[in-house]
Amino acid sequence: SIPDCIGDLTSLREVNLGNNRLSSVIPGSLWKLNNLIVLNLTSNLLTAFLPPDIKNLKVATLIDLSGNQLSSTIPSSIGGLESVETLSLARNRFQGHINVNLMFSAYSVLMH
């Protein structure tokens, strides 16, 4: 699992934990890392939902949460990601509709 104390690493710029078979929830403290540029948690077994606190990753340019077991709806706060260039939420268990009013300054938003 990803330890909750990861949120104590406030100067962290990159989290690359893809393809590690992590099988827990994403700790709430991770969404407090407002200096994070890259968040790669792809291809794990992470569960739960994507919280509105994702909006705190304002300087992140890449967020890849694909290939997990995240569920529920995609929070509208994701539209507050000001610097994101690539956002991948593919291969999860999200439900509902994507809010067409979400405005991204992104080059690519990947959703399958």
Protein backbone atom coordinates (compact mmCIF):
# COMPACT_ATOMS: atom_id res chain seq x y z
CA SER A 1 0.00 0.00 0.00
CA ILE A 2 0.96 3.65 -0.28
CA PRO A 3 1.72 4.95 3.23
CA ASP A 4 -0.29 7.89 4.48
CA CYS A 5 2.94 9.64 5.48
CA ILE A 6 3.63 10.29 1.77
CA GLY A 7 1.78 13.57 2.36
CA ASP A 8 4.59 14.64 4.70
CA LEU A 9 6.98 14.85 1.73
CA THR A 10 5.79 18.32 0.78
CA SER A 11 8.65 19.04 -1.64
CA LEU A 12 8.01 15.88 -3.65
CA ARG A 13 7.80 16.61 -7.40
CA GLU A 14 7.23 13.12 -8.84
CA VAL A 15 5.50 9.97 -7.65
CA ASN A 16 6.13 7.06 -10.02
CA LEU A 17 4.55 3.95 -8.53
CA GLY A 18 3.11 2.40 -11.67
CA ASN A 19 3.05 -1.37 -12.21
CA ASN A 20 3.66 -2.33 -8.59
CA ARG A 21 0.52 -4.31 -7.70
CA LEU A 22 -0.35 -1.82 -4.95
CA SER A 23 -3.69 -2.90 -3.55
CA SER A 24 -5.14 -0.32 -1.23
CA VAL A 25 -6.83 3.05 -1.38
CA ILE A 26 -4.95 6.17 -2.42
CA PRO A 27 -4.20 7.95 0.87
CA GLY A 28 -5.90 11.30 1.32
CA SER A 29 -2.57 12.89 2.19
CA LEU A 30 -1.36 12.37 -1.41
CA TRP A 31 -3.83 15.01 -2.63
CA LYS A 32 -2.09 17.57 -0.38
CA LEU A 33 1.17 17.39 -2.37
CA ASN A 34 0.60 20.67 -4.17
CA ASN A 35 4.16 20.75 -5.63
CA LEU A 36 3.65 17.45 -7.44
CA ILE A 37 4.31 17.61 -11.19
CA VAL A 38 3.99 13.89 -12.08
CA LEU A 39 1.64 11.40 -10.47
CA ASN A 40 1.90 7.94 -12.02
CA LEU A 41 -0.09 5.22 -10.25
CA THR A 42 -0.96 3.28 -13.39
CA SER A 43 -1.57 -0.48 -13.48
CA ASN A 44 -2.02 -1.23 -9.81
CA LEU A 45 -5.01 -2.55 -7.87
CA LEU A 46 -5.95 0.72 -6.18
CA THR A 47 -9.57 0.99 -5.09
CA ALA A 48 -12.04 3.55 -3.73
CA PHE A 49 -13.04 6.80 -5.41
CA LEU A 50 -11.33 9.85 -6.82
CA PRO A 51 -11.83 12.62 -4.24
CA PRO A 52 -12.60 16.27 -5.00
CA ASP A 53 -9.21 17.02 -3.39
CA ILE A 54 -7.54 16.07 -6.69
CA LYS A 55 -7.96 19.78 -7.48
CA ASN A 56 -5.04 20.48 -5.11
CA LEU A 57 -2.58 19.12 -7.70
CA LYS A 58 -2.59 22.45 -9.50
CA VAL A 59 0.95 22.25 -10.91
CA ALA A 60 0.75 18.62 -12.02
CA THR A 61 1.31 18.19 -15.74
CA LEU A 62 0.78 14.41 -15.83
CA ILE A 63 -1.71 12.41 -13.80
CA ASP A 64 -2.01 8.74 -14.76
CA LEU A 65 -4.41 6.68 -12.68
CA SER A 66 -5.24 4.21 -15.45
CA GLY A 67 -5.50 0.47 -14.95
CA ASN A 68 -6.79 0.46 -11.38
CA GLN A 69 -10.15 -0.25 -9.76
CA LEU A 70 -11.20 3.30 -8.97
CA SER A 71 -14.96 3.72 -8.94
CA SER A 72 -17.83 6.14 -8.39
CA THR A 73 -18.01 9.31 -10.48
CA ILE A 74 -15.29 11.60 -11.76
CA PRO A 75 -15.39 14.70 -9.53
CA SER A 76 -16.13 18.01 -11.23
CA SER A 77 -13.21 19.51 -9.29
CA ILE A 78 -10.94 17.79 -11.81
CA GLY A 79 -11.65 20.81 -14.00
CA GLY A 80 -9.53 22.86 -11.59
CA LEU A 81 -6.34 21.14 -12.69
CA GLU A 82 -4.72 24.19 -14.22
CA SER A 83 -1.46 22.72 -15.53
CA VAL A 84 -2.41 19.20 -16.52
CA GLU A 85 -1.27 18.19 -20.00
CA THR A 86 -2.06 14.49 -19.73
CA LEU A 87 -4.76 12.94 -17.59
CA SER A 88 -5.46 9.23 -17.95
CA LEU A 89 -8.33 7.59 -16.09
CA ALA A 90 -8.68 4.65 -18.50
CA ARG A 91 -9.43 1.08 -17.40
CA ASN A 92 -11.13 1.89 -14.09
CA ARG A 93 -14.71 1.44 -12.91
CA PHE A 94 -16.02 4.98 -13.08
CA GLN A 95 -19.76 5.47 -13.53
CA GLY A 96 -21.98 8.26 -14.74
CA HIS A 97 -21.25 11.00 -17.22
CA ILE A 98 -18.28 13.23 -17.79
CA ASN A 99 -19.28 16.84 -17.19
CA VAL A 100 -18.89 18.52 -20.59
CA ASN A 101 -18.41 21.86 -18.85
CA LEU A 102 -15.03 20.76 -17.51
CA MET A 103 -12.43 23.02 -19.04
CA PHE A 104 -8.88 21.73 -19.29
CA SER A 105 -5.78 23.53 -20.43
CA ALA A 106 -4.70 20.02 -21.33
CA TYR A 107 -3.20 18.71 -24.53
CA SER A 108 -4.72 15.28 -24.03
CA VAL A 109 -7.31 13.77 -21.76
CA LEU A 110 -7.46 10.00 -22.03
CA MET A 111 -10.61 8.16 -21.05
CA HIS A 112 -11.54 4.70 -22.34
